[in-house]
Amino acid sequence: MDNTALAFLVLIVGFLVVMLILFLLYLLLVLFSRLFYHQSVESPASIEIERGKPELTPSFLSPQLKAAITAAVYQYLSEPLQGSRIAITIHQDQLLSRSGWAAAGRKALLESRWELELLRRKKRYEKI
């Protein structure tokens, strides 16, 4: 026998041994699954869970936070892949513009100042 025929014979015998062992393992698994099978009491498919339609924009986020997230994502997607740092800067001309985001920011600042003032007044009255 030359070397090629011997190599081919070893290949065939090895393949048949591996397939035989895999088939025996399969039969062993089938046997154990039939011997030790326990049926579950309640299947998860029978439980119905009502799921509502998810909100596309969460109502608990403030307009400033939505604007910051949108700006960060836009900045990240518009830059080339080499840079991984995100920097959000506000230019003076943007501060002076009359956009809706600027108005929402001013409104939130005024509301937070008013809330702080109410807390200060409440603390004063509690001390008296």
C-alpha atoms as a PDB file:
ATOM      1  CA  MET A   1       0.000   0.000   0.000  1.00  0.00           C
ATOM      2  CA  ASP A   2       1.320   3.373  -0.811  1.00  0.00           C
ATOM      3  CA  ASN A   3       1.033   6.370   1.502  1.00  0.00           C
ATOM      4  CA  THR A   4      -1.977   7.927  -0.234  1.00  0.00           C
ATOM      5  CA  ALA A   5      -4.106   4.814   0.125  1.00  0.00           C
ATOM      6  CA  LEU A   6      -3.104   4.442   3.776  1.00  0.00           C
ATOM      7  CA  ALA A   7      -3.972   8.076   4.488  1.00  0.00           C
ATOM      8  CA  PHE A   8      -7.330   7.658   2.762  1.00  0.00           C
ATOM      9  CA  LEU A   9      -8.047   4.502   4.794  1.00  0.00           C
ATOM     10  CA  VAL A  10      -7.182   6.272   8.077  1.00  0.00           C
ATOM     11  CA  LEU A  11      -9.452   9.167   7.054  1.00  0.00           C
ATOM     12  CA  ILE A  12     -12.414   6.884   6.346  1.00  0.00           C
ATOM     13  CA  VAL A  13     -11.950   4.809   9.517  1.00  0.00           C
ATOM     14  CA  GLY A  14     -11.598   7.958  11.679  1.00  0.00           C
ATOM     15  CA  PHE A  15     -14.681   9.522  10.137  1.00  0.00           C
ATOM     16  CA  LEU A  16     -16.727   6.355  10.697  1.00  0.00           C
ATOM     17  CA  VAL A  17     -15.582   6.098  14.330  1.00  0.00           C
ATOM     18  CA  VAL A  18     -16.542   9.723  15.028  1.00  0.00           C
ATOM     19  CA  MET A  19     -19.957   9.310  13.378  1.00  0.00           C
ATOM     20  CA  LEU A  20     -20.595   6.091  15.324  1.00  0.00           C
ATOM     21  CA  ILE A  21     -19.743   7.766  18.649  1.00  0.00           C
ATOM     22  CA  LEU A  22     -21.961  10.756  17.834  1.00  0.00           C
ATOM     23  CA  PHE A  23     -24.845   8.437  16.949  1.00  0.00           C
ATOM     24  CA  LEU A  24     -24.403   6.533  20.226  1.00  0.00           C
ATOM     25  CA  LEU A  25     -24.418   9.811  22.170  1.00  0.00           C
ATOM     26  CA  TYR A  26     -27.619  10.820  20.400  1.00  0.00           C
ATOM     27  CA  LEU A  27     -29.253   7.519  21.355  1.00  0.00           C
ATOM     28  CA  LEU A  28     -28.103   7.999  24.949  1.00  0.00           C
ATOM     29  CA  LEU A  29     -29.677  11.470  25.052  1.00  0.00           C
ATOM     30  CA  VAL A  30     -32.959  10.168  23.648  1.00  0.00           C
ATOM     31  CA  LEU A  31     -32.986   7.369  26.217  1.00  0.00           C
ATOM     32  CA  PHE A  32     -32.354   9.722  29.144  1.00  0.00           C
ATOM     33  CA  SER A  33     -34.939  12.220  27.928  1.00  0.00           C
ATOM     34  CA  ARG A  34     -37.578   9.480  27.894  1.00  0.00           C
ATOM     35  CA  LEU A  35     -36.579   8.117  31.296  1.00  0.00           C
ATOM     36  CA  PHE A  36     -36.277  11.402  33.178  1.00  0.00           C
ATOM     37  CA  TYR A  37     -38.843  13.584  31.411  1.00  0.00           C
ATOM     38  CA  HIS A  38     -40.875  15.812  33.749  1.00  0.00           C
ATOM     39  CA  GLN A  39     -43.768  17.741  32.311  1.00  0.00           C
ATOM     40  CA  SER A  40     -43.996  21.303  33.594  1.00  0.00           C
ATOM     41  CA  VAL A  41     -47.095  22.322  35.525  1.00  0.00           C
ATOM     42  CA  GLU A  42     -47.801  25.494  33.599  1.00  0.00           C
ATOM     43  CA  SER A  43     -46.261  26.329  30.296  1.00  0.00           C
ATOM     44  CA  PRO A  44     -45.079  29.905  29.766  1.00  0.00           C
ATOM     45  CA  ALA A  45     -46.991  30.120  26.482  1.00  0.00           C
ATOM     46  CA  SER A  46     -50.333  29.918  28.308  1.00  0.00           C
ATOM     47  CA  ILE A  47     -49.656  33.062  30.331  1.00  0.00           C
ATOM     48  CA  GLU A  48     -50.927  36.132  28.542  1.00  0.00           C
ATOM     49  CA  ILE A  49     -49.190  39.406  29.169  1.00  0.00           C
ATOM     50  CA  GLU A  50     -50.833  42.564  27.973  1.00  0.00           C
ATOM     51  CA  ARG A  51     -48.339  44.875  26.449  1.00  0.00           C
ATOM     52  CA  GLY A  52     -49.254  48.391  25.599  1.00  0.00           C
ATOM     53  CA  LYS A  53     -47.836  50.350  22.749  1.00  0.00           C
ATOM     54  CA  PRO A  54     -44.483  51.825  23.834  1.00  0.00           C
ATOM     55  CA  GLU A  55     -44.064  55.561  23.860  1.00  0.00           C
ATOM     56  CA  LEU A  56     -41.836  56.818  21.103  1.00  0.00           C
ATOM     57  CA  THR A  57     -40.711  59.808  23.150  1.00  0.00           C
ATOM     58  CA  PRO A  58     -40.723  59.439  26.923  1.00  0.00           C
ATOM     59  CA  SER A  59     -42.792  62.145  28.578  1.00  0.00           C
ATOM     60  CA  PHE A  60     -40.602  62.286  31.689  1.00  0.00           C
ATOM     61  CA  LEU A  61     -37.629  63.729  29.790  1.00  0.00           C
ATOM     62  CA  SER A  62     -37.293  67.477  29.820  1.00  0.00           C
ATOM     63  CA  PRO A  63     -36.951  69.330  26.506  1.00  0.00           C
ATOM     64  CA  GLN A  64     -33.377  70.348  27.406  1.00  0.00           C
ATOM     65  CA  LEU A  65     -32.365  66.743  28.006  1.00  0.00           C
ATOM     66  CA  LYS A  66     -33.984  65.679  24.735  1.00  0.00           C
ATOM     67  CA  ALA A  67     -32.108  68.454  22.934  1.00  0.00           C
ATOM     68  CA  ALA A  68     -28.790  67.497  24.527  1.00  0.00           C
ATOM     69  CA  ILE A  69     -29.230  63.819  23.650  1.00  0.00           C
ATOM     70  CA  THR A  70     -30.242  64.654  20.086  1.00  0.00           C
ATOM     71  CA  ALA A  71     -27.282  67.004  19.673  1.00  0.00           C
ATOM     72  CA  ALA A  72     -24.839  64.438  21.073  1.00  0.00           C
ATOM     73  CA  VAL A  73     -26.108  61.678  18.793  1.00  0.00           C
ATOM     74  CA  TYR A  74     -26.055  63.982  15.756  1.00  0.00           C
ATOM     75  CA  GLN A  75     -22.529  65.120  16.589  1.00  0.00           C
ATOM     76  CA  TYR A  76     -21.358  61.535  17.076  1.00  0.00           C
ATOM     77  CA  LEU A  77     -22.889  60.323  13.812  1.00  0.00           C
ATOM     78  CA  SER A  78     -21.647  63.266  11.753  1.00  0.00           C
ATOM     79  CA  GLU A  79     -17.989  62.923  12.787  1.00  0.00           C
ATOM     80  CA  PRO A  80     -15.615  60.475  11.098  1.00  0.00           C
ATOM     81  CA  LEU A  81     -14.909  57.227  12.928  1.00  0.00           C
ATOM     82  CA  GLN A  82     -11.407  58.232  14.009  1.00  0.00           C
ATOM     83  CA  GLY A  83     -12.548  60.597  16.779  1.00  0.00           C
ATOM     84  CA  SER A  84     -14.325  59.187  19.796  1.00  0.00           C
ATOM     85  CA  ARG A  85     -14.652  62.295  21.935  1.00  0.00           C
ATOM     86  CA  ILE A  86     -17.864  64.310  21.874  1.00  0.00           C
ATOM     87  CA  ALA A  87     -17.775  67.970  22.777  1.00  0.00           C
ATOM     88  CA  ILE A  88     -20.890  70.136  22.785  1.00  0.00           C
ATOM     89  CA  THR A  89     -20.161  73.836  22.657  1.00  0.00           C
ATOM     90  CA  ILE A  90     -22.550  76.758  22.629  1.00  0.00           C
ATOM     91  CA  HIS A  91     -21.618  79.684  20.429  1.00  0.00           C
ATOM     92  CA  GLN A  92     -22.667  83.213  21.290  1.00  0.00           C
ATOM     93  CA  ASP A  93     -24.761  83.576  18.137  1.00  0.00           C
ATOM     94  CA  GLN A  94     -26.749  80.502  19.177  1.00  0.00           C
ATOM     95  CA  LEU A  95     -27.396  81.983  22.615  1.00  0.00           C
ATOM     96  CA  LEU A  96     -28.852  85.117  21.105  1.00  0.00           C
ATOM     97  CA  SER A  97     -31.109  83.334  18.642  1.00  0.00           C
ATOM     98  CA  ARG A  98     -34.825  83.034  19.372  1.00  0.00           C
ATOM     99  CA  SER A  99     -35.179  79.293  18.904  1.00  0.00           C
ATOM    100  CA  GLY A 100     -37.632  77.053  20.704  1.00  0.00           C
ATOM    101  CA  TRP A 101     -34.847  75.261  22.568  1.00  0.00           C
ATOM    102  CA  ALA A 102     -33.478  78.521  23.924  1.00  0.00           C
ATOM    103  CA  ALA A 103     -36.945  79.543  25.080  1.00  0.00           C
ATOM    104  CA  ALA A 104     -37.456  76.176  26.765  1.00  0.00           C
ATOM    105  CA  GLY A 105     -34.100  76.530  28.508  1.00  0.00           C
ATOM    106  CA  ARG A 106     -34.918  80.018  29.756  1.00  0.00           C
ATOM    107  CA  LYS A 107     -38.311  78.845  30.963  1.00  0.00           C
ATOM    108  CA  ALA A 108     -36.757  75.952  32.882  1.00  0.00           C
ATOM    109  CA  LEU A 109     -34.200  78.267  34.475  1.00  0.00           C
ATOM    110  CA  LEU A 110     -36.926  80.619  35.625  1.00  0.00           C
ATOM    111  CA  GLU A 111     -39.013  77.737  36.970  1.00  0.00           C
ATOM    112  CA  SER A 112     -36.064  76.271  38.858  1.00  0.00           C
ATOM    113  CA  ARG A 113     -35.278  79.671  40.369  1.00  0.00           C
ATOM    114  CA  TRP A 114     -38.887  79.976  41.476  1.00  0.00           C
ATOM    115  CA  GLU A 115     -38.810  76.498  43.038  1.00  0.00           C
ATOM    116  CA  LEU A 116     -35.610  77.354  44.913  1.00  0.00           C
ATOM    117  CA  GLU A 117     -37.174  80.564  46.179  1.00  0.00           C
ATOM    118  CA  LEU A 118     -40.204  78.632  47.440  1.00  0.00           C
ATOM    119  CA  LEU A 119     -37.915  76.190  49.254  1.00  0.00           C
ATOM    120  CA  ARG A 120     -36.008  79.073  50.880  1.00  0.00           C
ATOM    121  CA  ARG A 121     -39.247  80.690  52.031  1.00  0.00           C
ATOM    122  CA  LYS A 122     -40.507  77.381  53.393  1.00  0.00           C
ATOM    123  CA  LYS A 123     -37.318  76.907  55.424  1.00  0.00           C
ATOM    124  CA  ARG A 124     -37.608  80.429  56.846  1.00  0.00           C
ATOM    125  CA  TYR A 125     -41.171  79.832  57.986  1.00  0.00           C
ATOM    126  CA  GLU A 126     -40.250  76.492  59.541  1.00  0.00           C
ATOM    127  CA  LYS A 127     -37.563  78.134  61.690  1.00  0.00           C
ATOM    128  CA  ILE A 128     -40.016  80.708  63.107  1.00  0.00           C
END
